[in-house]
Amino acid sequence: MLERVAVVEARTHFHGVLEALSTLGGLRERLERSRLVVVKPNFVSTTRALAATPLDATRAVLEVITKYYRGEVILAEGPALGDLHEALRNFGYLELKEHYNVEFVDLNKDDYEEFAVWGSSLEKNVKVRVARTILESDFVISVTRPKTHDTVVVTLSIKNVVVGAILKGYKHLIHQGYPAINLTIAYLATRMMPALAVIDGLEGMEGEGPVRGDPIRLGVTVASYNPVCADAAITKLMGFNPRNVGYLYYLERWGWGSLNGFEVVGLGDWERKAIAFKPHSTYERQLNWKVPEEVLRRVEEELAEEGVIRK
């Protein structure tokens, strides 16, 4: 059976997310089985609102999930620059505690597990620390906006969780060249894949993302229980080929989702909503992420032993 991806028109951040989750359906049953629910917004910048998840998008997620989940919801993020409390204050997130049973967790100060990832020689010889809160949650909800990126073409629901979960001081270690970083993001995603992807595309970022780009109105919200499919759908709506995004290519190859074979519910003519985002100025160089086939075979043999590859 094909994975479902909800694509709906968004008039506002709040109502776009509400409609996407309603159209997707099935949330109550999943939440009732969950022990630890984590909502992961994106605060790659603690000062520039366009680079961050809009407050109303996160508010809409909390509005829906707290109808079915009675426990404390963890809102977790680990900014690359700046302090989490600074971001919460600047973007208005502190007020959420007045309305919802939510606790803020700074992933940069979290307990951690260590993972070996790929260095520039394409050997697994770099070690990074990953926040235990994300690893131990059985229901992570990634809430972000679509943005172009300076290294991996686009940053969406999967990268939001993966890089946000790497502790400060270790995030930069995954930047070992285009081939290595795409392998690393895909691999770490298999260890902390979001249970629900919510991409608020009312207004995205094009050009020099993920921080210094320009606003672009896409006018849609995307949601899915398969983040690979959700990210593929929004990548197409941004005017890019998802198979040119290395980490998405690998995740499809390893059996974690399809970049084309999914069922879209909501907008029947969803692909007509596509708007060509201006890519980052390094876009052409970013496409040089593919590794030699003999190296990839070796990598995948190792990953098969770890149980990462599903097919």
C-alpha atoms as a PDB file:
ATOM      1  CA  MET A   1       0.000   0.000   0.000  1.00  0.00           C
ATOM      2  CA  LEU A   2       1.294   3.448  -0.924  1.00  0.00           C
ATOM      3  CA  GLU A   3       2.296   5.883   1.816  1.00  0.00           C
ATOM      4  CA  ARG A   4      -0.070   8.846   2.183  1.00  0.00           C
ATOM      5  CA  VAL A   5       1.109  12.441   1.877  1.00  0.00           C
ATOM      6  CA  ALA A   6      -1.348  15.252   2.624  1.00  0.00           C
ATOM      7  CA  VAL A   7      -0.864  18.379   0.528  1.00  0.00           C
ATOM      8  CA  VAL A   8      -3.269  21.238   1.235  1.00  0.00           C
ATOM      9  CA  GLU A   9      -3.500  24.913   0.438  1.00  0.00           C
ATOM     10  CA  ALA A  10      -2.433  27.149   3.319  1.00  0.00           C
ATOM     11  CA  ARG A  11      -4.025  30.516   4.013  1.00  0.00           C
ATOM     12  CA  THR A  12      -2.239  30.858   7.353  1.00  0.00           C
ATOM     13  CA  HIS A  13       0.436  28.873   9.175  1.00  0.00           C
ATOM     14  CA  PHE A  14      -2.072  27.687  11.789  1.00  0.00           C
ATOM     15  CA  HIS A  15      -4.934  26.656   9.524  1.00  0.00           C
ATOM     16  CA  GLY A  16      -2.639  25.115   6.925  1.00  0.00           C
ATOM     17  CA  VAL A  17      -1.184  22.733   9.520  1.00  0.00           C
ATOM     18  CA  LEU A  18      -4.617  21.978  10.993  1.00  0.00           C
ATOM     19  CA  GLU A  19      -6.010  21.097   7.582  1.00  0.00           C
ATOM     20  CA  ALA A  20      -2.996  18.995   6.613  1.00  0.00           C
ATOM     21  CA  LEU A  21      -3.249  16.904   9.794  1.00  0.00           C
ATOM     22  CA  SER A  22      -7.014  16.544   9.396  1.00  0.00           C
ATOM     23  CA  THR A  23      -6.598  15.456   5.777  1.00  0.00           C
ATOM     24  CA  LEU A  24      -3.859  12.969   6.678  1.00  0.00           C
ATOM     25  CA  GLY A  25      -5.885  11.404   9.507  1.00  0.00           C
ATOM     26  CA  GLY A  26      -4.836   8.524  11.743  1.00  0.00           C
ATOM     27  CA  LEU A  27      -3.118  10.626  14.395  1.00  0.00           C
ATOM     28  CA  ARG A  28      -5.230   9.625  17.376  1.00  0.00           C
ATOM     29  CA  GLU A  29      -4.414   5.929  17.104  1.00  0.00           C
ATOM     30  CA  ARG A  30      -0.688   6.608  16.839  1.00  0.00           C
ATOM     31  CA  LEU A  31      -0.587   9.025  19.760  1.00  0.00           C
ATOM     32  CA  GLU A  32      -2.546   6.701  22.034  1.00  0.00           C
ATOM     33  CA  ARG A  33       0.219   4.119  21.566  1.00  0.00           C
ATOM     34  CA  SER A  34       3.032   6.600  22.262  1.00  0.00           C
ATOM     35  CA  ARG A  35       5.060   6.933  25.465  1.00  0.00           C
ATOM     36  CA  LEU A  36       7.228   9.981  24.730  1.00  0.00           C
ATOM     37  CA  VAL A  37       6.071  12.603  22.219  1.00  0.00           C
ATOM     38  CA  VAL A  38       8.626  15.149  21.040  1.00  0.00           C
ATOM     39  CA  VAL A  39       7.858  18.152  18.840  1.00  0.00           C
ATOM     40  CA  LYS A  40      10.972  19.348  17.004  1.00  0.00           C
ATOM     41  CA  PRO A  41      10.786  22.836  15.449  1.00  0.00           C
ATOM     42  CA  ASN A  42      13.728  24.323  13.554  1.00  0.00           C
ATOM     43  CA  PHE A  43      15.734  27.176  15.062  1.00  0.00           C
ATOM     44  CA  VAL A  44      18.857  27.128  12.918  1.00  0.00           C
ATOM     45  CA  SER A  45      18.881  30.851  13.654  1.00  0.00           C
ATOM     46  CA  THR A  46      17.764  32.175  17.028  1.00  0.00           C
ATOM     47  CA  THR A  47      17.181  35.680  15.648  1.00  0.00           C
ATOM     48  CA  ARG A  48      15.895  35.482  12.061  1.00  0.00           C
ATOM     49  CA  ALA A  49      12.229  34.486  11.965  1.00  0.00           C
ATOM     50  CA  LEU A  50      12.293  33.419   8.301  1.00  0.00           C
ATOM     51  CA  ALA A  51      14.900  30.780   9.148  1.00  0.00           C
ATOM     52  CA  ALA A  52      12.783  29.354  11.984  1.00  0.00           C
ATOM     53  CA  THR A  53       9.584  27.322  12.282  1.00  0.00           C
ATOM     54  CA  PRO A  54       6.664  29.762  12.616  1.00  0.00           C
ATOM     55  CA  LEU A  55       5.101  29.783  16.072  1.00  0.00           C
ATOM     56  CA  ASP A  56       1.598  29.230  14.698  1.00  0.00           C
ATOM     57  CA  ALA A  57       2.674  26.091  12.833  1.00  0.00           C
ATOM     58  CA  THR A  58       3.934  24.570  16.071  1.00  0.00           C
ATOM     59  CA  ARG A  59       0.888  25.851  17.945  1.00  0.00           C
ATOM     60  CA  ALA A  60      -1.382  24.044  15.452  1.00  0.00           C
ATOM     61  CA  VAL A  61       0.518  20.780  15.986  1.00  0.00           C
ATOM     62  CA  LEU A  62       0.149  21.122  19.759  1.00  0.00           C
ATOM     63  CA  GLU A  63      -3.538  21.987  19.386  1.00  0.00           C
ATOM     64  CA  VAL A  64      -4.165  18.711  17.578  1.00  0.00           C
ATOM     65  CA  ILE A  65      -1.943  16.302  19.487  1.00  0.00           C
ATOM     66  CA  THR A  66      -3.000  17.448  22.948  1.00  0.00           C
ATOM     67  CA  LYS A  67      -6.545  16.333  22.142  1.00  0.00           C
ATOM     68  CA  TYR A  68      -5.321  12.734  22.113  1.00  0.00           C
ATOM     69  CA  TYR A  69      -2.066  12.678  24.088  1.00  0.00           C
ATOM     70  CA  ARG A  70      -2.496  13.492  27.771  1.00  0.00           C
ATOM     71  CA  GLY A  71       1.130  13.351  28.796  1.00  0.00           C
ATOM     72  CA  GLU A  72       3.708  16.099  28.801  1.00  0.00           C
ATOM     73  CA  VAL A  73       4.880  17.033  25.309  1.00  0.00           C
ATOM     74  CA  ILE A  74       8.583  17.733  24.925  1.00  0.00           C
ATOM     75  CA  LEU A  75       9.436  20.637  22.626  1.00  0.00           C
ATOM     76  CA  ALA A  76      13.088  20.079  21.788  1.00  0.00           C
ATOM     77  CA  GLU A  77      15.697  21.856  19.704  1.00  0.00           C
ATOM     78  CA  GLY A  78      19.453  22.366  19.684  1.00  0.00           C
ATOM     79  CA  PRO A  79      20.348  25.587  17.836  1.00  0.00           C
ATOM     80  CA  ALA A  80      23.648  25.610  15.971  1.00  0.00           C
ATOM     81  CA  LEU A  81      24.203  29.208  17.003  1.00  0.00           C
ATOM     82  CA  GLY A  82      22.838  30.951  20.039  1.00  0.00           C
ATOM     83  CA  ASP A  83      20.819  29.693  22.976  1.00  0.00           C
ATOM     84  CA  LEU A  84      17.506  27.826  22.952  1.00  0.00           C
ATOM     85  CA  HIS A  85      15.918  30.184  25.468  1.00  0.00           C
ATOM     86  CA  GLU A  86      16.900  33.102  23.230  1.00  0.00           C
ATOM     87  CA  ALA A  87      15.081  31.498  20.301  1.00  0.00           C
ATOM     88  CA  LEU A  88      12.022  30.671  22.403  1.00  0.00           C
ATOM     89  CA  ARG A  89      11.849  34.270  23.576  1.00  0.00           C
ATOM     90  CA  ASN A  90      12.517  35.871  20.195  1.00  0.00           C
ATOM     91  CA  PHE A  91       9.971  33.748  18.322  1.00  0.00           C
ATOM     92  CA  GLY A  92       7.223  33.884  20.980  1.00  0.00           C
ATOM     93  CA  TYR A  93       7.407  30.208  21.946  1.00  0.00           C
ATOM     94  CA  LEU A  94       7.500  30.823  25.711  1.00  0.00           C
ATOM     95  CA  GLU A  95       3.769  31.565  25.685  1.00  0.00           C
ATOM     96  CA  LEU A  96       3.027  27.962  24.661  1.00  0.00           C
ATOM     97  CA  LYS A  97       3.513  26.858  28.277  1.00  0.00           C
ATOM     98  CA  GLU A  98       0.497  28.963  29.234  1.00  0.00           C
ATOM     99  CA  HIS A  99      -1.800  26.895  27.021  1.00  0.00           C
ATOM    100  CA  TYR A 100      -0.288  23.417  26.696  1.00  0.00           C
ATOM    101  CA  ASN A 101       1.395  20.792  28.857  1.00  0.00           C
ATOM    102  CA  VAL A 102       4.775  21.303  27.227  1.00  0.00           C
ATOM    103  CA  GLU A 103       8.338  21.192  28.480  1.00  0.00           C
ATOM    104  CA  PHE A 104      11.268  22.806  26.644  1.00  0.00           C
ATOM    105  CA  VAL A 105      14.428  20.718  26.229  1.00  0.00           C
ATOM    106  CA  ASP A 106      17.728  22.075  24.933  1.00  0.00           C
ATOM    107  CA  LEU A 107      19.181  19.199  22.931  1.00  0.00           C
ATOM    108  CA  ASN A 108      22.642  20.762  23.150  1.00  0.00           C
ATOM    109  CA  LYS A 109      22.579  20.076  26.903  1.00  0.00           C
ATOM    110  CA  ASP A 110      20.977  16.643  26.685  1.00  0.00           C
ATOM    111  CA  ASP A 111      22.448  13.281  27.566  1.00  0.00           C
ATOM    112  CA  TYR A 112      23.774  11.641  24.411  1.00  0.00           C
ATOM    113  CA  GLU A 113      24.838   8.584  22.477  1.00  0.00           C
ATOM    114  CA  GLU A 114      27.874   8.557  20.227  1.00  0.00           C
ATOM    115  CA  PHE A 115      27.759   7.520  16.576  1.00  0.00           C
ATOM    116  CA  ALA A 116      30.516   6.972  14.039  1.00  0.00           C
ATOM    117  CA  VAL A 117      29.844   8.731  10.723  1.00  0.00           C
ATOM    118  CA  TRP A 118      31.738   9.313   7.506  1.00  0.00           C
ATOM    119  CA  GLY A 119      34.803  11.476   7.155  1.00  0.00           C
ATOM    120  CA  SER A 120      36.167  13.008   3.982  1.00  0.00           C
ATOM    121  CA  SER A 121      37.901   9.718   3.087  1.00  0.00           C
ATOM    122  CA  LEU A 122      34.484   7.999   3.173  1.00  0.00           C
ATOM    123  CA  GLU A 123      35.522   5.905   6.134  1.00  0.00           C
ATOM    124  CA  LYS A 124      33.407   5.839   9.294  1.00  0.00           C
ATOM    125  CA  ASN A 125      36.033   7.602  11.382  1.00  0.00           C
ATOM    126  CA  VAL A 126      34.212  10.686  12.699  1.00  0.00           C
ATOM    127  CA  LYS A 127      32.322  10.532  15.993  1.00  0.00           C
ATOM    128  CA  VAL A 128      29.348  12.746  16.823  1.00  0.00           C
ATOM    129  CA  ARG A 129      27.117  12.989  19.881  1.00  0.00           C
ATOM    130  CA  VAL A 130      23.358  12.703  19.394  1.00  0.00           C
ATOM    131  CA  ALA A 131      20.749  13.811  21.937  1.00  0.00           C
ATOM    132  CA  ARG A 132      19.159  10.928  23.791  1.00  0.00           C
ATOM    133  CA  THR A 133      15.750  12.651  23.983  1.00  0.00           C
ATOM    134  CA  ILE A 134      15.344  12.268  20.228  1.00  0.00           C
ATOM    135  CA  LEU A 135      16.723   8.737  20.165  1.00  0.00           C
ATOM    136  CA  GLU A 136      14.433   7.532  22.948  1.00  0.00           C
ATOM    137  CA  SER A 137      11.213   9.174  21.771  1.00  0.00           C
ATOM    138  CA  ASP A 138       8.761   6.850  20.076  1.00  0.00           C
ATOM    139  CA  PHE A 139       6.934   9.726  18.371  1.00  0.00           C
ATOM    140  CA  VAL A 140       9.003  12.630  17.054  1.00  0.00           C
ATOM    141  CA  ILE A 141       7.091  15.278  15.111  1.00  0.00           C
ATOM    142  CA  SER A 142       9.267  17.390  12.835  1.00  0.00           C
ATOM    143  CA  VAL A 143       7.754  20.825  12.171  1.00  0.00           C
ATOM    144  CA  THR A 144       9.663  23.047   9.784  1.00  0.00           C
ATOM    145  CA  ARG A 145       9.425  25.255   6.735  1.00  0.00           C
ATOM    146  CA  PRO A 146      10.972  24.398   3.322  1.00  0.00           C
ATOM    147  CA  LYS A 147      14.333  26.020   2.737  1.00  0.00           C
ATOM    148  CA  THR A 148      17.174  25.759   0.283  1.00  0.00           C
ATOM    149  CA  HIS A 149      20.517  24.745   1.762  1.00  0.00           C
ATOM    150  CA  ASP A 150      24.174  25.567   1.317  1.00  0.00           C
ATOM    151  CA  THR A 151      25.348  21.925   1.320  1.00  0.00           C
ATOM    152  CA  VAL A 152      22.546  19.409   0.650  1.00  0.00           C
ATOM    153  CA  VAL A 153      20.198  21.324  -1.710  1.00  0.00           C
ATOM    154  CA  VAL A 154      17.181  21.418   0.639  1.00  0.00           C
ATOM    155  CA  THR A 155      16.542  21.207   4.372  1.00  0.00           C
ATOM    156  CA  LEU A 156      13.177  19.751   5.334  1.00  0.00           C
ATOM    157  CA  SER A 157      11.650  17.441   7.948  1.00  0.00           C
ATOM    158  CA  ILE A 158      14.394  14.805   8.069  1.00  0.00           C
ATOM    159  CA  LYS A 159      17.393  17.083   8.226  1.00  0.00           C
ATOM    160  CA  ASN A 160      15.624  19.227  10.829  1.00  0.00           C
ATOM    161  CA  VAL A 161      15.625  16.299  13.253  1.00  0.00           C
ATOM    162  CA  VAL A 162      18.976  14.766  12.365  1.00  0.00           C
ATOM    163  CA  VAL A 163      21.163  17.862  12.555  1.00  0.00           C
ATOM    164  CA  GLY A 164      19.159  19.430  15.373  1.00  0.00           C
ATOM    165  CA  ALA A 165      19.787  16.317  17.472  1.00  0.00           C
ATOM    166  CA  ILE A 166      23.572  16.508  17.083  1.00  0.00           C
ATOM    167  CA  LEU A 167      25.038  18.336  20.065  1.00  0.00           C
ATOM    168  CA  LYS A 168      26.631  21.743  19.594  1.00  0.00           C
ATOM    169  CA  GLY A 169      30.340  21.346  19.074  1.00  0.00           C
ATOM    170  CA  TYR A 170      29.740  18.245  16.971  1.00  0.00           C
ATOM    171  CA  LYS A 171      27.381  19.515  14.266  1.00  0.00           C
ATOM    172  CA  HIS A 172      30.249  20.894  12.186  1.00  0.00           C
ATOM    173  CA  LEU A 173      31.931  17.478  12.145  1.00  0.00           C
ATOM    174  CA  ILE A 174      29.397  16.112   9.659  1.00  0.00           C
ATOM    175  CA  HIS A 175      30.630  18.645   7.083  1.00  0.00           C
ATOM    176  CA  GLN A 176      33.203  16.352   5.476  1.00  0.00           C
ATOM    177  CA  GLY A 177      32.373  17.086   1.849  1.00  0.00           C
ATOM    178  CA  TYR A 178      29.226  16.562  -0.197  1.00  0.00           C
ATOM    179  CA  PRO A 179      29.451  12.735  -0.453  1.00  0.00           C
ATOM    180  CA  ALA A 180      30.091  12.213   3.259  1.00  0.00           C
ATOM    181  CA  ILE A 181      27.449  14.578   4.638  1.00  0.00           C
ATOM    182  CA  ASN A 182      24.679  13.030   2.542  1.00  0.00           C
ATOM    183  CA  LEU A 183      25.623   9.526   3.686  1.00  0.00           C
ATOM    184  CA  THR A 184      25.773  10.726   7.289  1.00  0.00           C
ATOM    185  CA  ILE A 185      22.375  12.452   7.264  1.00  0.00           C
ATOM    186  CA  ALA A 186      20.731   9.407   5.672  1.00  0.00           C
ATOM    187  CA  TYR A 187      22.364   7.016   8.133  1.00  0.00           C
ATOM    188  CA  LEU A 188      21.503   9.047  11.226  1.00  0.00           C
ATOM    189  CA  ALA A 189      17.945   9.458   9.914  1.00  0.00           C
ATOM    190  CA  THR A 190      17.496   5.690  10.099  1.00  0.00           C
ATOM    191  CA  ARG A 191      18.249   5.946  13.838  1.00  0.00           C
ATOM    192  CA  MET A 192      15.841   8.819  14.544  1.00  0.00           C
ATOM    193  CA  MET A 193      13.342   9.028  11.708  1.00  0.00           C
ATOM    194  CA  PRO A 194      10.436  11.328  12.625  1.00  0.00           C
ATOM    195  CA  ALA A 195       7.109   9.597  13.159  1.00  0.00           C
ATOM    196  CA  LEU A 196       5.321  12.561  11.582  1.00  0.00           C
ATOM    197  CA  ALA A 197       6.577  15.211   9.172  1.00  0.00           C
ATOM    198  CA  VAL A 198       4.823  18.577   9.035  1.00  0.00           C
ATOM    199  CA  ILE A 199       6.206  21.057   6.509  1.00  0.00           C
ATOM    200  CA  ASP A 200       4.684  24.522   6.648  1.00  0.00           C
ATOM    201  CA  GLY A 201       5.185  25.822   3.135  1.00  0.00           C
ATOM    202  CA  LEU A 202       3.040  28.924   3.400  1.00  0.00           C
ATOM    203  CA  GLU A 203       6.304  30.837   3.135  1.00  0.00           C
ATOM    204  CA  GLY A 204       9.635  29.170   2.480  1.00  0.00           C
ATOM    205  CA  MET A 205      13.186  30.340   1.941  1.00  0.00           C
ATOM    206  CA  GLU A 206      15.010  30.362  -1.393  1.00  0.00           C
ATOM    207  CA  GLY A 207      18.516  31.318  -2.419  1.00  0.00           C
ATOM    208  CA  GLU A 208      21.118  31.505   0.322  1.00  0.00           C
ATOM    209  CA  GLY A 209      19.380  29.201   2.788  1.00  0.00           C
ATOM    210  CA  PRO A 210      19.179  27.926   5.422  1.00  0.00           C
ATOM    211  CA  VAL A 211      19.658  31.296   7.190  1.00  0.00           C
ATOM    212  CA  ARG A 212      20.307  34.188   4.810  1.00  0.00           C
ATOM    213  CA  GLY A 213      17.902  33.360   1.983  1.00  0.00           C
ATOM    214  CA  ASP A 214      14.882  35.263   0.734  1.00  0.00           C
ATOM    215  CA  PRO A 215      11.177  34.630   1.390  1.00  0.00           C
ATOM    216  CA  ILE A 216       9.098  32.838  -1.226  1.00  0.00           C
ATOM    217  CA  ARG A 217       5.391  32.054  -0.914  1.00  0.00           C
ATOM    218  CA  LEU A 218       4.576  28.470  -1.799  1.00  0.00           C
ATOM    219  CA  GLY A 219       1.163  28.444  -0.144  1.00  0.00           C
ATOM    220  CA  VAL A 220       0.903  24.774   0.811  1.00  0.00           C
ATOM    221  CA  THR A 221       1.321  22.582   3.877  1.00  0.00           C
ATOM    222  CA  VAL A 222       2.548  18.987   3.633  1.00  0.00           C
ATOM    223  CA  ALA A 223       2.191  16.209   6.224  1.00  0.00           C
ATOM    224  CA  SER A 224       2.958  12.501   6.235  1.00  0.00           C
ATOM    225  CA  TYR A 225       3.854   9.620   8.533  1.00  0.00           C
ATOM    226  CA  ASN A 226       6.641   8.848   6.061  1.00  0.00           C
ATOM    227  CA  PRO A 227       9.096  11.778   6.108  1.00  0.00           C
ATOM    228  CA  VAL A 228      10.959  10.501   3.035  1.00  0.00           C
ATOM    229  CA  CYS A 229       7.759  10.796   1.002  1.00  0.00           C
ATOM    230  CA  ALA A 230       6.853  14.150   2.590  1.00  0.00           C
ATOM    231  CA  ASP A 231      10.281  15.600   1.864  1.00  0.00           C
ATOM    232  CA  ALA A 232      10.156  14.241  -1.696  1.00  0.00           C
ATOM    233  CA  ALA A 233       6.779  15.877  -2.304  1.00  0.00           C
ATOM    234  CA  ILE A 234       7.820  19.299  -1.024  1.00  0.00           C
ATOM    235  CA  THR A 235      11.145  19.045  -2.882  1.00  0.00           C
ATOM    236  CA  LYS A 236       9.166  18.660  -6.107  1.00  0.00           C
ATOM    237  CA  LEU A 237       6.984  21.621  -5.164  1.00  0.00           C
ATOM    238  CA  MET A 238      10.179  23.650  -4.686  1.00  0.00           C
ATOM    239  CA  GLY A 239      11.149  22.828  -8.272  1.00  0.00           C
ATOM    240  CA  PHE A 240      13.917  20.329  -7.487  1.00  0.00           C
ATOM    241  CA  ASN A 241      14.320  16.657  -8.350  1.00  0.00           C
ATOM    242  CA  PRO A 242      14.362  14.690  -5.061  1.00  0.00           C
ATOM    243  CA  ARG A 243      16.793  12.206  -6.592  1.00  0.00           C
ATOM    244  CA  ASN A 244      19.313  15.041  -6.770  1.00  0.00           C
ATOM    245  CA  VAL A 245      19.180  15.276  -2.973  1.00  0.00           C
ATOM    246  CA  GLY A 246      21.739  12.742  -1.813  1.00  0.00           C
ATOM    247  CA  TYR A 247      20.330  11.821   1.574  1.00  0.00           C
ATOM    248  CA  LEU A 248      16.820  11.331   0.123  1.00  0.00           C
ATOM    249  CA  TYR A 249      18.254   9.166  -2.653  1.00  0.00           C
ATOM    250  CA  TYR A 250      19.978   6.922  -0.123  1.00  0.00           C
ATOM    251  CA  LEU A 251      16.938   6.629   2.120  1.00  0.00           C
ATOM    252  CA  GLU A 252      14.833   5.497  -0.828  1.00  0.00           C
ATOM    253  CA  ARG A 253      17.561   3.080  -1.908  1.00  0.00           C
ATOM    254  CA  TRP A 254      17.682   1.659   1.622  1.00  0.00           C
ATOM    255  CA  GLY A 255      13.930   1.086   1.750  1.00  0.00           C
ATOM    256  CA  TRP A 256      12.766   3.917   3.996  1.00  0.00           C
ATOM    257  CA  GLY A 257      10.332   5.507   1.571  1.00  0.00           C
ATOM    258  CA  SER A 258       9.662   6.357  -2.040  1.00  0.00           C
ATOM    259  CA  LEU A 259      10.545   9.557  -3.865  1.00  0.00           C
ATOM    260  CA  ASN A 260       7.754   9.028  -6.391  1.00  0.00           C
ATOM    261  CA  GLY A 261       5.499   6.170  -5.328  1.00  0.00           C
ATOM    262  CA  PHE A 262       3.210   7.759  -2.763  1.00  0.00           C
ATOM    263  CA  GLU A 263      -0.448   8.725  -2.633  1.00  0.00           C
ATOM    264  CA  VAL A 264      -1.217  12.428  -2.333  1.00  0.00           C
ATOM    265  CA  VAL A 265      -4.463  13.333  -0.562  1.00  0.00           C
ATOM    266  CA  GLY A 266      -5.916  16.811  -0.425  1.00  0.00           C
ATOM    267  CA  LEU A 267      -5.015  18.774  -3.540  1.00  0.00           C
ATOM    268  CA  GLY A 268      -5.790  16.758  -6.637  1.00  0.00           C
ATOM    269  CA  ASP A 269      -3.627  18.963  -8.845  1.00  0.00           C
ATOM    270  CA  TRP A 270      -0.876  19.347  -6.247  1.00  0.00           C
ATOM    271  CA  GLU A 271       2.084  19.397  -8.657  1.00  0.00           C
ATOM    272  CA  ARG A 272       0.644  22.473 -10.357  1.00  0.00           C
ATOM    273  CA  LYS A 273       1.365  24.351  -7.134  1.00  0.00           C
ATOM    274  CA  ALA A 274       5.106  23.986  -7.753  1.00  0.00           C
ATOM    275  CA  ILE A 275       7.161  27.164  -7.726  1.00  0.00           C
ATOM    276  CA  ALA A 276      10.816  27.136  -8.751  1.00  0.00           C
ATOM    277  CA  PHE A 277      12.810  28.130  -5.683  1.00  0.00           C
ATOM    278  CA  LYS A 278      16.034  29.892  -6.505  1.00  0.00           C
ATOM    279  CA  PRO A 279      18.766  27.431  -5.476  1.00  0.00           C
ATOM    280  CA  HIS A 280      21.728  28.255  -3.292  1.00  0.00           C
ATOM    281  CA  SER A 281      24.665  29.776  -5.167  1.00  0.00           C
ATOM    282  CA  THR A 282      26.675  26.576  -4.549  1.00  0.00           C
ATOM    283  CA  TYR A 283      23.919  24.346  -5.954  1.00  0.00           C
ATOM    284  CA  GLU A 284      25.897  22.966  -8.895  1.00  0.00           C
ATOM    285  CA  ARG A 285      28.762  21.932  -6.614  1.00  0.00           C
ATOM    286  CA  GLN A 286      26.339  20.353  -4.161  1.00  0.00           C
ATOM    287  CA  LEU A 287      25.258  17.893  -6.861  1.00  0.00           C
ATOM    288  CA  ASN A 288      28.679  16.223  -6.601  1.00  0.00           C
ATOM    289  CA  TRP A 289      27.537  13.987  -3.738  1.00  0.00           C
ATOM    290  CA  LYS A 290      27.626  10.586  -5.434  1.00  0.00           C
ATOM    291  CA  VAL A 291      30.262   8.110  -4.292  1.00  0.00           C
ATOM    292  CA  PRO A 292      31.945   5.488  -6.481  1.00  0.00           C
ATOM    293  CA  GLU A 293      29.817   2.365  -6.798  1.00  0.00           C
ATOM    294  CA  GLU A 294      32.467   0.126  -5.236  1.00  0.00           C
ATOM    295  CA  VAL A 295      32.609   2.409  -2.193  1.00  0.00           C
ATOM    296  CA  LEU A 296      28.833   2.464  -1.923  1.00  0.00           C
ATOM    297  CA  ARG A 297      28.728  -1.344  -2.056  1.00  0.00           C
ATOM    298  CA  ARG A 298      31.168  -1.498   0.853  1.00  0.00           C
ATOM    299  CA  VAL A 299      29.168   1.067   2.811  1.00  0.00           C
ATOM    300  CA  GLU A 300      25.913  -0.769   2.216  1.00  0.00           C
ATOM    301  CA  GLU A 301      27.385  -4.114   3.226  1.00  0.00           C
ATOM    302  CA  GLU A 302      28.299  -2.563   6.578  1.00  0.00           C
ATOM    303  CA  LEU A 303      24.871  -0.964   6.935  1.00  0.00           C
ATOM    304  CA  ALA A 304      23.140  -4.251   6.119  1.00  0.00           C
ATOM    305  CA  GLU A 305      24.943  -5.826   9.075  1.00  0.00           C
ATOM    306  CA  GLU A 306      23.607  -3.004  11.271  1.00  0.00           C
ATOM    307  CA  GLY A 307      20.068  -3.623  10.049  1.00  0.00           C
ATOM    308  CA  VAL A 308      19.779  -0.161   8.481  1.00  0.00           C
ATOM    309  CA  ILE A 309      18.859  -1.368   4.999  1.00  0.00           C
ATOM    310  CA  ARG A 310      15.246  -2.518   4.770  1.00  0.00           C
ATOM    311  CA  LYS A 311      15.305  -4.067   1.323  1.00  0.00           C
END
